[in-house]
Amino acid sequence: MSASYIDNKRYVIGVIGDIPALLTFWQMFKDQTNDQALRDIGVVAAALPGESVLPEAHDGDRRIPTYAGYRAMLESHPEINMVIETTGRAQLVHELRGWLPASVTLVERSAATFFINLLTTERIWVACKADLLHTQNMLKTIIDQMDQEILFLGHDGLVVGMNKTLADRMGVPKKAIMGHSYREIIPGIENPEAGYEREPFAAVLSARVPAETVTSQVGEDGRVQYFRIYMFPIFDEDGATVNHVVALRRDITQRAFIENRLQQAEKLASIVELSSYMAHEIRNPLFTISGFANSLMRTEGLDETAREKLSIILAESRRLDEILKALMNFTRPTEAQVAEVDVNSLVTATMDVMRLPCDNQGVEVVVSLDATVALARANPDLIKQCLINLIKNSLEAMPEGGKLIVSTAMHRKFVLLSVEDTGVGIPAEIRDKIFSPFFSTKGKGAGLGLAQTHKIVDEIGGEVDLASREGVGTKVSLLLPPLLKVAETGEDG
């Protein structure tokens, strides 16, 4: 018997019993005892009272000596500090109690079975704990990897947990968010978009059903993000009380953008139909009205009051005709020829014309041109018209002066042409409308300038990007498709 083997064991055991009892006990012991217990326990010998032929016992690759009586076993193994009696015979137990020295602990069969069952219970508990930890870690991993931001709220609206996505986007550790009100974590929830629930948390607690709302948020870069907020009740075990609420925030900016594009397309289709009607049904009577008014103006002996009224009729007729022309031009497809556009040269030529009104208004002009910018595939006259429209809008936003920045660059796969001002900015509630036809905050004109700009850029495969912050300024960028090398080779290339 190896001395190191005994030194490493807390309990050095000798087992007493007949072969059937010993085999049954030993199998149960090996099956139910966990690895930690086996490291502390070492069986060094076995006594088989009354057996004429002693079989050889083994524990793995280790041989366990057997003896015909327990006294011979204890004399041969003084290191034994525990004896386990496996038969349960009262006479043998009584004899062992009287003979064993005080340094050796006697464990009867019933007590040994009890402790083995305890070890079995512990093993089940450890297995359940491991399974629970696995399930918990798996659930945490799934929640943390979700792209949506998730908050776990108490019935008082305070944060009791969250996923990693939310903490990462806020740029703070989770513990810095714990205990705060959900109103601090989800900005804009008290002032949602029109038609949506103002108090989804209160609605969940009172109605005990899920609630949702939509909010918007202007980022540091001046761009608007839209979020849909879902809140779900979590009931107690009896299902009687809402003790927690799960809040989920999803970025729906891309979806809102697509919906706006669809609405814009539907609106344009209606305008095309309306403009055709107006062209046939309004311009002819308008032409007659202005014709008769001109004829009356040439009448001799016409008093000054009548002449003044006729002048008003003619002026209003001309204004209405200009609106009709603008509307017809807007709905008509841009059939201008697409060619190569040097945006740097276009900006330089345009600013030569627009610099004077900028100086007259006290606006500082900064022109930043990227010499490496690619040629754009567009119509130069239409892009110049767009640029002038943007500059005029910027000047109207800076009546007391400011700074105008016109720049070019390459952005993703586009040629970027940007106009940025330090004006009053665009309120968030009208930001989705400024590219819509007939929408204007100026109180004059047909409200088609920005809508026409968007239409021109859209038709050539470009994009229009808007960034604005109230009191800081606005930046509108035209993303124009570049002239590709394959265009030079034609069909033969």
Protein backbone atom coordinates (compact mmCIF):
# COMPACT_ATOMS: atom_id res chain seq x y z
CA MET A 1 0.00 0.00 0.00
CA SER A 2 1.49 3.35 -1.06
CA ALA A 3 2.15 5.73 1.84
CA SER A 4 1.39 8.72 -0.40
CA TYR A 5 -2.01 7.24 -1.19
CA ILE A 6 -2.89 7.08 2.53
CA ASP A 7 -1.44 10.54 3.27
CA ASN A 8 -3.72 12.10 0.66
CA LYS A 9 -6.88 10.63 2.18
CA ARG A 10 -8.90 12.17 4.98
CA TYR A 11 -10.69 8.89 5.73
CA VAL A 12 -8.72 5.58 5.63
CA ILE A 13 -11.41 2.90 5.59
CA GLY A 14 -11.66 -0.79 6.27
CA VAL A 15 -14.86 -2.51 5.16
CA ILE A 16 -16.48 -5.47 6.95
CA GLY A 17 -19.15 -7.78 5.53
CA ASP A 18 -20.04 -10.86 3.58
CA ILE A 19 -19.45 -10.93 -0.16
CA PRO A 20 -23.04 -10.16 -1.34
CA ALA A 21 -23.45 -7.26 1.14
CA LEU A 22 -19.99 -5.95 0.41
CA LEU A 23 -20.47 -6.04 -3.37
CA THR A 24 -23.87 -4.32 -3.12
CA PHE A 25 -22.53 -1.63 -0.82
CA TRP A 26 -19.39 -1.10 -2.88
CA GLN A 27 -21.35 -0.72 -6.14
CA MET A 28 -23.74 1.78 -4.55
CA PHE A 29 -20.81 3.67 -3.05
CA LYS A 30 -18.99 3.92 -6.39
CA ASP A 31 -22.12 4.85 -8.35
CA GLN A 32 -23.44 7.55 -6.05
CA THR A 33 -20.33 9.17 -4.60
CA ASN A 34 -19.04 12.26 -6.40
CA ASP A 35 -15.45 12.84 -7.42
CA GLN A 36 -14.74 15.26 -4.58
CA ALA A 37 -15.78 12.66 -1.98
CA LEU A 38 -13.68 9.95 -3.62
CA ARG A 39 -10.60 12.16 -3.36
CA ASP A 40 -11.05 12.30 0.45
CA ILE A 41 -11.88 8.61 0.96
CA GLY A 42 -9.59 5.60 0.59
CA VAL A 43 -10.58 1.94 1.16
CA VAL A 44 -7.41 0.07 2.12
CA ALA A 45 -8.72 -3.36 3.26
CA ALA A 46 -11.76 -5.62 3.53
CA ALA A 47 -12.72 -8.21 6.17
CA LEU A 48 -14.94 -11.19 5.26
CA PRO A 49 -15.83 -13.01 8.51
CA GLY A 50 -16.89 -16.65 8.01
CA GLU A 51 -15.64 -16.91 4.42
CA SER A 52 -13.48 -19.96 3.73
CA VAL A 53 -12.13 -18.72 0.40
CA LEU A 54 -11.14 -15.07 0.24
CA PRO A 55 -11.47 -13.49 -3.21
CA GLU A 56 -9.07 -10.85 -4.42
CA ALA A 57 -10.48 -7.30 -4.41
CA HIS A 58 -9.48 -4.46 -6.72
CA ASP A 59 -10.19 -0.71 -6.95
CA GLY A 60 -9.26 0.24 -10.50
CA ASP A 61 -5.62 -0.73 -10.91
CA ARG A 62 -5.08 -0.94 -7.12
CA ARG A 63 -5.32 -4.24 -5.24
CA ILE A 64 -7.26 -4.26 -1.93
CA PRO A 65 -6.16 -7.00 0.53
CA THR A 66 -8.88 -9.14 2.14
CA TYR A 67 -8.91 -10.81 5.58
CA ALA A 68 -10.91 -13.58 7.26
CA GLY A 69 -11.69 -11.38 10.30
CA TYR A 70 -11.81 -7.74 11.18
CA ARG A 71 -9.17 -8.11 13.93
CA ALA A 72 -6.62 -9.38 11.46
CA MET A 73 -7.50 -6.51 9.14
CA LEU A 74 -7.02 -3.84 11.84
CA GLU A 75 -3.76 -5.43 13.08
CA SER A 76 -2.39 -5.42 9.52
CA HIS A 77 -3.60 -1.86 8.86
CA PRO A 78 -3.17 0.36 11.91
CA GLU A 79 -3.67 3.38 9.64
CA ILE A 80 -7.43 2.64 9.37
CA ASN A 81 -9.44 5.35 11.11
CA MET A 82 -12.92 4.29 9.97
CA VAL A 83 -14.68 0.93 9.73
CA ILE A 84 -17.84 0.47 7.68
CA GLU A 85 -19.99 -2.52 8.58
CA THR A 86 -22.11 -3.53 5.55
CA THR A 87 -24.17 -6.51 6.76
CA GLY A 88 -26.32 -4.78 9.35
CA ARG A 89 -26.12 -7.80 11.70
CA ALA A 90 -26.86 -6.69 15.26
CA GLN A 91 -24.48 -9.17 16.94
CA LEU A 92 -21.52 -8.13 14.74
CA VAL A 93 -22.26 -4.46 15.31
CA HIS A 94 -22.45 -4.99 19.07
CA GLU A 95 -19.13 -6.83 19.03
CA LEU A 96 -17.44 -4.09 17.00
CA ARG A 97 -18.65 -1.37 19.38
CA GLY A 98 -16.99 -3.11 22.27
CA TRP A 99 -13.73 -3.96 20.54
CA LEU A 100 -12.83 -1.05 18.26
CA PRO A 101 -10.44 1.51 19.75
CA ALA A 102 -11.62 5.11 20.24
CA SER A 103 -9.44 6.29 17.34
CA VAL A 104 -11.49 4.25 14.85
CA THR A 105 -14.97 5.43 13.90
CA LEU A 106 -17.64 2.77 13.36
CA VAL A 107 -20.14 3.47 10.60
CA GLU A 108 -23.06 1.07 10.57
CA ARG A 109 -24.80 0.03 7.38
CA SER A 110 -27.88 2.23 7.93
CA ALA A 111 -25.71 5.27 8.64
CA ALA A 112 -23.51 4.59 5.60
CA THR A 113 -26.58 4.28 3.38
CA PHE A 114 -27.91 7.56 4.79
CA PHE A 115 -24.69 9.43 4.03
CA ILE A 116 -24.45 7.94 0.55
CA ASN A 117 -27.96 9.18 -0.14
CA LEU A 118 -26.87 12.61 1.06
CA LEU A 119 -24.01 12.48 -1.41
CA THR A 120 -26.48 11.49 -4.12
CA THR A 121 -28.68 14.49 -3.23
CA GLU A 122 -25.65 16.75 -3.36
CA ARG A 123 -24.71 15.40 -6.77
CA ILE A 124 -28.24 16.04 -8.05
CA TRP A 125 -28.10 19.55 -6.59
CA VAL A 126 -24.75 20.20 -8.25
CA ALA A 127 -26.12 18.93 -11.58
CA CYS A 128 -29.22 21.16 -11.24
CA LYS A 129 -27.03 24.11 -10.36
CA ALA A 130 -24.82 23.48 -13.38
CA ASP A 131 -27.87 23.18 -15.62
CA LEU A 132 -29.33 26.37 -14.17
CA LEU A 133 -26.07 28.25 -14.70
CA HIS A 134 -25.88 26.95 -18.26
CA THR A 135 -29.45 28.08 -18.98
CA GLN A 136 -28.81 31.44 -17.32
CA ASN A 137 -25.61 32.01 -19.30
CA MET A 138 -27.28 30.97 -22.54
CA LEU A 139 -30.22 33.35 -21.93
CA LYS A 140 -27.84 36.18 -20.99
CA THR A 141 -25.77 35.56 -24.13
CA ILE A 142 -28.87 35.65 -26.34
CA ILE A 143 -30.21 38.83 -24.74
CA ASP A 144 -26.81 40.56 -24.84
CA GLN A 145 -26.34 39.73 -28.52
CA MET A 146 -29.74 41.09 -29.55
CA ASP A 147 -29.47 44.30 -31.56
CA GLN A 148 -32.44 45.82 -29.75
CA GLU A 149 -31.92 47.64 -26.45
CA ILE A 150 -33.60 45.83 -23.54
CA LEU A 151 -34.42 47.18 -20.07
CA PHE A 152 -35.81 45.26 -17.09
CA LEU A 153 -37.87 47.58 -14.89
CA GLY A 154 -39.34 47.27 -11.43
CA HIS A 155 -42.96 48.23 -10.76
CA ASP A 156 -41.65 51.70 -9.79
CA GLY A 157 -40.09 52.24 -13.24
CA LEU A 158 -36.50 51.94 -12.03
CA VAL A 159 -33.94 49.91 -13.96
CA VAL A 160 -33.11 46.54 -12.38
CA GLY A 161 -31.30 45.07 -15.40
CA MET A 162 -30.43 45.57 -19.05
CA ASN A 163 -28.63 43.92 -21.96
CA LYS A 164 -25.10 44.69 -23.12
CA THR A 165 -26.35 46.41 -26.30
CA LEU A 166 -27.97 49.22 -24.33
CA ALA A 167 -24.94 49.78 -22.09
CA ASP A 168 -22.56 49.78 -25.07
CA ARG A 169 -24.63 52.33 -27.02
CA MET A 170 -24.83 54.59 -23.99
CA GLY A 171 -21.08 54.18 -23.48
CA VAL A 172 -21.36 53.48 -19.74
CA PRO A 173 -21.07 50.33 -17.59
CA LYS A 174 -24.24 48.53 -16.58
CA LYS A 175 -23.90 49.46 -12.92
CA ALA A 176 -24.08 53.17 -13.86
CA ILE A 177 -27.57 52.60 -15.31
CA MET A 178 -28.99 50.50 -12.47
CA GLY A 179 -31.55 52.28 -10.29
CA HIS A 180 -32.28 55.08 -12.78
CA SER A 181 -35.76 55.81 -14.10
CA TYR A 182 -36.53 54.49 -17.56
CA ARG A 183 -37.38 58.08 -18.58
CA GLU A 184 -33.69 58.96 -18.17
CA ILE A 185 -32.59 56.02 -20.31
CA ILE A 186 -35.18 56.38 -23.11
CA PRO A 187 -35.21 60.07 -24.13
CA GLY A 188 -38.34 61.43 -25.77
CA ILE A 189 -40.70 58.84 -24.30
CA GLU A 190 -42.71 61.59 -22.59
CA ASN A 191 -43.09 63.42 -25.91
CA PRO A 192 -43.73 60.69 -28.51
CA GLU A 193 -44.64 61.10 -32.14
CA ALA A 194 -48.20 62.23 -32.85
CA GLY A 195 -50.82 59.56 -32.29
CA TYR A 196 -48.72 57.31 -30.07
CA GLU A 197 -48.98 56.34 -26.40
CA ARG A 198 -47.56 58.96 -24.02
CA GLU A 199 -47.29 56.72 -20.95
CA PRO A 200 -46.69 53.13 -22.10
CA PHE A 201 -45.28 52.12 -18.70
CA ALA A 202 -48.39 53.31 -16.86
CA ALA A 203 -50.57 51.63 -19.49
CA VAL A 204 -48.83 48.28 -18.93
CA LEU A 205 -49.31 48.48 -15.16
CA SER A 206 -52.95 49.56 -15.33
CA ALA A 207 -54.22 47.49 -18.28
CA ARG A 208 -51.84 44.56 -17.65
CA VAL A 209 -51.28 44.20 -21.41
CA PRO A 210 -48.34 45.14 -23.68
CA ALA A 211 -48.09 48.75 -24.87
CA GLU A 212 -45.92 50.56 -27.43
CA THR A 213 -45.02 54.02 -28.67
CA VAL A 214 -42.73 55.77 -31.17
CA THR A 215 -40.17 58.44 -30.27
CA SER A 216 -37.58 60.46 -32.16
CA GLN A 217 -34.17 61.71 -31.13
CA VAL A 218 -31.79 64.22 -32.74
CA GLY A 219 -28.21 62.99 -32.42
CA GLU A 220 -25.02 64.96 -32.01
CA ASP A 221 -24.58 64.95 -35.80
CA GLY A 222 -27.99 66.58 -36.29
CA ARG A 223 -29.62 63.50 -37.80
CA VAL A 224 -32.96 62.22 -36.58
CA GLN A 225 -33.42 58.65 -35.35
CA TYR A 226 -36.81 57.04 -34.85
CA PHE A 227 -37.40 54.37 -32.21
CA ARG A 228 -40.31 52.09 -31.46
CA ILE A 229 -40.67 51.29 -27.76
CA TYR A 230 -42.37 48.04 -26.70
CA MET A 231 -43.26 47.34 -23.07
CA PHE A 232 -44.39 43.95 -21.75
CA PRO A 233 -45.77 43.03 -18.29
CA ILE A 234 -44.06 40.31 -16.25
CA PHE A 235 -46.39 38.74 -13.69
CA ASP A 236 -45.63 37.02 -10.39
CA GLU A 237 -46.04 33.25 -9.98
CA ASP A 238 -49.77 33.56 -9.32
CA GLY A 239 -50.30 35.80 -12.34
CA ALA A 240 -52.08 38.33 -10.15
CA THR A 241 -49.57 41.18 -9.96
CA VAL A 242 -47.28 42.88 -12.46
CA ASN A 243 -43.97 42.99 -10.59
CA HIS A 244 -41.66 43.77 -13.52
CA VAL A 245 -41.85 45.33 -16.97
CA VAL A 246 -39.60 44.56 -19.93
CA ALA A 247 -38.94 47.55 -22.22
CA LEU A 248 -37.50 46.97 -25.68
CA ARG A 249 -36.31 49.83 -27.91
CA ARG A 250 -35.84 49.21 -31.64
CA ASP A 251 -34.27 51.59 -34.16
CA ILE A 252 -36.82 52.04 -36.98
CA THR A 253 -35.09 54.93 -38.76
CA GLN A 254 -34.51 52.94 -41.94
CA ARG A 255 -38.10 51.75 -41.93
CA ALA A 256 -39.35 55.33 -41.43
CA PHE A 257 -37.15 56.45 -44.33
CA ILE A 258 -38.64 53.81 -46.64
CA GLU A 259 -42.18 54.70 -45.54
CA ASN A 260 -41.49 58.37 -46.24
CA ARG A 261 -40.19 57.49 -49.70
CA LEU A 262 -43.35 55.50 -50.41
CA GLN A 263 -45.54 58.34 -49.17
CA GLN A 264 -43.55 60.75 -51.32
CA ALA A 265 -44.09 58.54 -54.37
CA GLU A 266 -47.84 58.32 -53.69
CA LYS A 267 -48.02 62.07 -53.23
CA LEU A 268 -46.14 62.68 -56.48
CA ALA A 269 -48.53 60.39 -58.34
CA SER A 270 -51.47 62.40 -57.01
CA ILE A 271 -49.79 65.68 -57.95
CA VAL A 272 -49.14 64.50 -61.50
CA GLU A 273 -52.82 63.68 -61.90
CA LEU A 274 -53.86 66.97 -60.29
CA SER A 275 -51.44 69.04 -62.39
CA SER A 276 -52.81 67.56 -65.60
CA TYR A 277 -56.31 68.56 -64.52
CA MET A 278 -55.17 72.04 -63.54
CA ALA A 279 -53.32 72.54 -66.81
CA HIS A 280 -56.45 71.83 -68.85
CA GLU A 281 -59.13 73.26 -66.58
CA ILE A 282 -57.46 76.30 -64.99
CA ARG A 283 -54.94 77.70 -67.46
CA ASN A 284 -57.53 78.32 -70.19
CA PRO A 285 -59.88 80.39 -67.93
CA LEU A 286 -56.81 82.09 -66.48
CA PHE A 287 -55.64 83.04 -69.97
CA THR A 288 -59.10 84.49 -70.72
CA ILE A 289 -59.14 86.47 -67.46
CA SER A 290 -55.70 87.99 -68.05
CA GLY A 291 -56.58 88.72 -71.71
CA PHE A 292 -59.72 90.65 -70.86
CA ALA A 293 -57.92 92.46 -68.03
CA ASN A 294 -55.20 93.60 -70.47
CA SER A 295 -57.88 94.72 -72.92
CA LEU A 296 -59.70 96.73 -70.27
CA MET A 297 -56.40 98.33 -69.19
CA ARG A 298 -56.14 99.82 -72.71
CA THR A 299 -59.63 101.30 -72.53
CA GLU A 300 -59.61 105.11 -72.73
CA GLY A 301 -61.19 107.08 -69.92
CA LEU A 302 -60.65 104.34 -67.34
CA ASP A 303 -60.56 105.89 -63.85
CA GLU A 304 -57.64 105.30 -61.52
CA THR A 305 -59.54 103.05 -59.12
CA ALA A 306 -60.58 100.64 -61.86
CA ARG A 307 -57.08 100.67 -63.33
CA GLU A 308 -55.64 99.77 -59.92
CA LYS A 309 -58.06 96.85 -59.58
CA LEU A 310 -57.20 95.60 -63.04
CA SER A 311 -53.50 95.79 -62.18
CA ILE A 312 -54.14 93.58 -59.16
CA ILE A 313 -56.05 91.08 -61.33
CA LEU A 314 -53.17 90.94 -63.81
CA ALA A 315 -50.53 90.58 -61.08
CA GLU A 316 -52.42 87.75 -59.40
CA SER A 317 -53.04 86.07 -62.75
CA ARG A 318 -49.32 86.15 -63.50
CA ARG A 319 -48.54 84.75 -60.02
CA LEU A 320 -51.02 81.92 -60.48
CA ASP A 321 -49.56 81.20 -63.92
CA GLU A 322 -46.07 80.99 -62.41
CA ILE A 323 -47.33 78.53 -59.80
CA LEU A 324 -48.91 76.41 -62.51
CA LYS A 325 -45.70 76.47 -64.54
CA ALA A 326 -43.65 75.46 -61.48
CA LEU A 327 -46.08 72.64 -60.78
CA MET A 328 -45.96 71.39 -64.37
CA ASN A 329 -42.17 71.55 -64.39
CA PHE A 330 -42.04 69.64 -61.12
CA THR A 331 -44.27 66.80 -62.30
CA ARG A 332 -42.66 66.56 -65.72
CA PRO A 333 -39.74 64.08 -65.88
CA THR A 334 -36.34 65.74 -66.12
CA GLU A 335 -35.36 64.95 -69.69
CA ALA A 336 -32.18 67.00 -69.58
CA GLN A 337 -29.16 65.14 -70.90
CA VAL A 338 -26.95 63.50 -68.30
CA ALA A 339 -23.27 64.24 -68.76
CA GLU A 340 -20.07 64.51 -66.76
CA VAL A 341 -20.07 67.20 -64.09
CA ASP A 342 -16.96 68.69 -62.50
CA VAL A 343 -18.54 69.60 -59.14
CA ASN A 344 -15.53 71.71 -58.11
CA SER A 345 -15.84 73.92 -61.22
CA LEU A 346 -19.62 74.04 -60.76
CA VAL A 347 -19.24 75.23 -57.14
CA THR A 348 -16.69 77.86 -58.15
CA ALA A 349 -18.92 79.24 -60.93
CA THR A 350 -22.02 79.23 -58.71
CA MET A 351 -20.29 80.98 -55.81
CA ASP A 352 -19.07 83.72 -58.17
CA VAL A 353 -22.75 84.55 -58.66
CA MET A 354 -23.96 83.95 -55.07
CA ARG A 355 -21.08 85.57 -53.20
CA LEU A 356 -22.53 89.06 -53.56
CA PRO A 357 -25.86 88.32 -51.84
CA CYS A 358 -23.90 86.49 -49.13
CA ASP A 359 -21.68 89.57 -48.56
CA ASN A 360 -24.72 91.87 -48.54
CA GLN A 361 -26.27 89.79 -45.78
CA GLY A 362 -23.08 89.60 -43.70
CA VAL A 363 -22.59 85.86 -44.29
CA GLU A 364 -19.04 84.50 -44.22
CA VAL A 365 -18.48 82.09 -47.10
CA VAL A 366 -16.12 79.12 -46.82
CA VAL A 367 -15.52 76.97 -49.91
CA SER A 368 -13.74 73.65 -49.32
CA LEU A 369 -13.07 71.67 -52.49
CA ASP A 370 -11.50 68.21 -52.62
CA ALA A 371 -9.09 68.19 -55.56
CA THR A 372 -9.33 64.39 -55.81
CA VAL A 373 -13.12 64.27 -56.12
CA ALA A 374 -14.45 62.25 -59.06
CA LEU A 375 -16.54 63.58 -61.92
CA ALA A 376 -20.27 63.18 -61.29
CA ARG A 377 -22.79 61.68 -63.68
CA ALA A 378 -25.56 64.31 -63.79
CA ASN A 379 -26.86 67.35 -65.65
CA PRO A 380 -24.72 70.39 -64.76
CA ASP A 381 -27.53 72.94 -65.17
CA LEU A 382 -29.89 71.00 -62.90
CA ILE A 383 -27.22 70.41 -60.24
CA LYS A 384 -26.39 74.13 -60.36
CA GLN A 385 -30.09 74.86 -59.87
CA CYS A 386 -30.12 72.54 -56.84
CA LEU A 387 -27.02 74.22 -55.39
CA ILE A 388 -28.53 77.68 -55.80
CA ASN A 389 -31.75 76.52 -54.10
CA LEU A 390 -29.78 75.19 -51.13
CA ILE A 391 -27.71 78.38 -50.82
CA LYS A 392 -30.85 80.55 -50.93
CA ASN A 393 -32.45 78.46 -48.20
CA SER A 394 -29.32 78.82 -46.07
CA LEU A 395 -29.32 82.61 -46.52
CA GLU A 396 -32.98 82.76 -45.48
CA ALA A 397 -32.06 80.80 -42.33
CA MET A 398 -29.36 83.41 -41.44
CA PRO A 399 -31.13 86.82 -41.67
CA GLU A 400 -28.66 88.32 -39.18
CA GLY A 401 -25.58 86.83 -40.85
CA GLY A 402 -23.61 83.70 -40.12
CA LYS A 403 -21.36 81.21 -41.86
CA LEU A 404 -21.95 79.30 -45.10
CA ILE A 405 -19.77 76.29 -45.94
CA VAL A 406 -19.89 74.74 -49.40
CA SER A 407 -17.72 71.63 -49.78
CA THR A 408 -17.04 68.66 -52.03
CA ALA A 409 -15.62 65.23 -51.21
CA MET A 410 -15.95 61.52 -51.90
CA HIS A 411 -18.35 59.70 -49.57
CA ARG A 412 -18.85 55.94 -49.87
CA LYS A 413 -19.53 55.41 -53.59
CA PHE A 414 -20.87 58.94 -54.18
CA VAL A 415 -19.58 62.39 -55.08
CA LEU A 416 -20.57 64.57 -52.13
CA LEU A 417 -21.71 68.18 -52.56
CA SER A 418 -22.66 69.80 -49.23
CA VAL A 419 -24.13 73.14 -48.18
CA GLU A 420 -23.89 73.87 -44.45
CA ASP A 421 -25.06 76.96 -42.55
CA THR A 422 -25.14 78.26 -38.98
CA GLY A 423 -28.77 79.30 -39.18
CA VAL A 424 -31.79 78.62 -37.00
CA GLY A 425 -32.00 74.93 -37.87
CA ILE A 426 -35.06 72.85 -38.71
CA PRO A 427 -37.48 71.79 -35.96
CA ALA A 428 -37.71 68.01 -35.57
CA GLU A 429 -41.48 67.99 -36.07
CA ILE A 430 -41.25 69.34 -39.65
CA ARG A 431 -38.06 67.60 -40.73
CA ASP A 432 -39.92 64.85 -42.55
CA LYS A 433 -41.96 67.39 -44.52
CA ILE A 434 -39.40 69.80 -45.94
CA PHE A 435 -38.84 67.73 -49.09
CA SER A 436 -42.58 67.38 -49.69
CA PRO A 437 -44.23 69.37 -52.50
CA PHE A 438 -46.11 72.53 -51.45
CA PHE A 439 -44.56 72.56 -47.98
CA SER A 440 -43.04 75.92 -47.12
CA THR A 441 -42.26 77.90 -43.97
CA LYS A 442 -41.68 81.14 -45.86
CA GLY A 443 -45.30 82.11 -46.52
CA LYS A 444 -44.53 82.62 -50.21
CA GLY A 445 -43.84 80.56 -53.32
CA ALA A 446 -45.16 77.13 -54.19
CA GLY A 447 -42.93 75.20 -51.78
CA LEU A 448 -41.35 73.18 -54.57
CA GLY A 449 -37.66 74.18 -54.29
CA LEU A 450 -36.41 71.42 -51.99
CA ALA A 451 -38.90 68.93 -53.42
CA GLN A 452 -37.52 69.64 -56.90
CA THR A 453 -33.93 69.24 -55.61
CA HIS A 454 -34.78 65.87 -54.11
CA LYS A 455 -36.51 64.79 -57.32
CA ILE A 456 -33.58 65.78 -59.54
CA VAL A 457 -31.02 63.93 -57.41
CA ASP A 458 -33.28 60.90 -57.00
CA GLU A 459 -33.83 60.54 -60.75
CA ILE A 460 -30.10 60.26 -61.47
CA GLY A 461 -29.62 57.58 -58.80
CA GLY A 462 -28.28 59.83 -56.05
CA GLU A 463 -29.35 60.58 -52.49
CA VAL A 464 -30.10 63.66 -50.38
CA ASP A 465 -28.92 63.69 -46.77
CA LEU A 466 -30.16 66.16 -44.14
CA ALA A 467 -28.59 66.96 -40.77
CA SER A 468 -29.95 69.81 -38.65
CA ARG A 469 -30.01 71.00 -35.05
CA GLU A 470 -32.19 73.84 -33.85
CA GLY A 471 -30.12 76.88 -32.95
CA VAL A 472 -26.96 75.32 -34.43
CA GLY A 473 -27.53 75.03 -38.17
CA THR A 474 -28.37 72.77 -41.09
CA LYS A 475 -26.34 70.71 -43.54
CA VAL A 476 -27.83 69.34 -46.76
CA SER A 477 -25.67 66.98 -48.79
CA LEU A 478 -26.24 65.88 -52.37
CA LEU A 479 -24.76 62.44 -53.00
CA LEU A 480 -24.26 62.21 -56.76
CA PRO A 481 -23.32 59.05 -58.69
CA PRO A 482 -19.72 59.20 -59.99
CA LEU A 483 -18.81 58.82 -63.64
CA LEU A 484 -17.57 55.25 -63.95
CA LYS A 485 -14.61 54.19 -66.07
CA VAL A 486 -16.78 51.76 -68.03
CA ALA A 487 -18.84 54.69 -69.32
CA GLU A 488 -15.89 55.84 -71.45
CA THR A 489 -15.61 52.57 -73.40
CA GLY A 490 -19.26 52.47 -74.51
CA GLU A 491 -20.88 49.24 -75.64
CA ASP A 492 -17.66 47.96 -77.26
CA GLY A 493 -15.84 47.99 -73.91
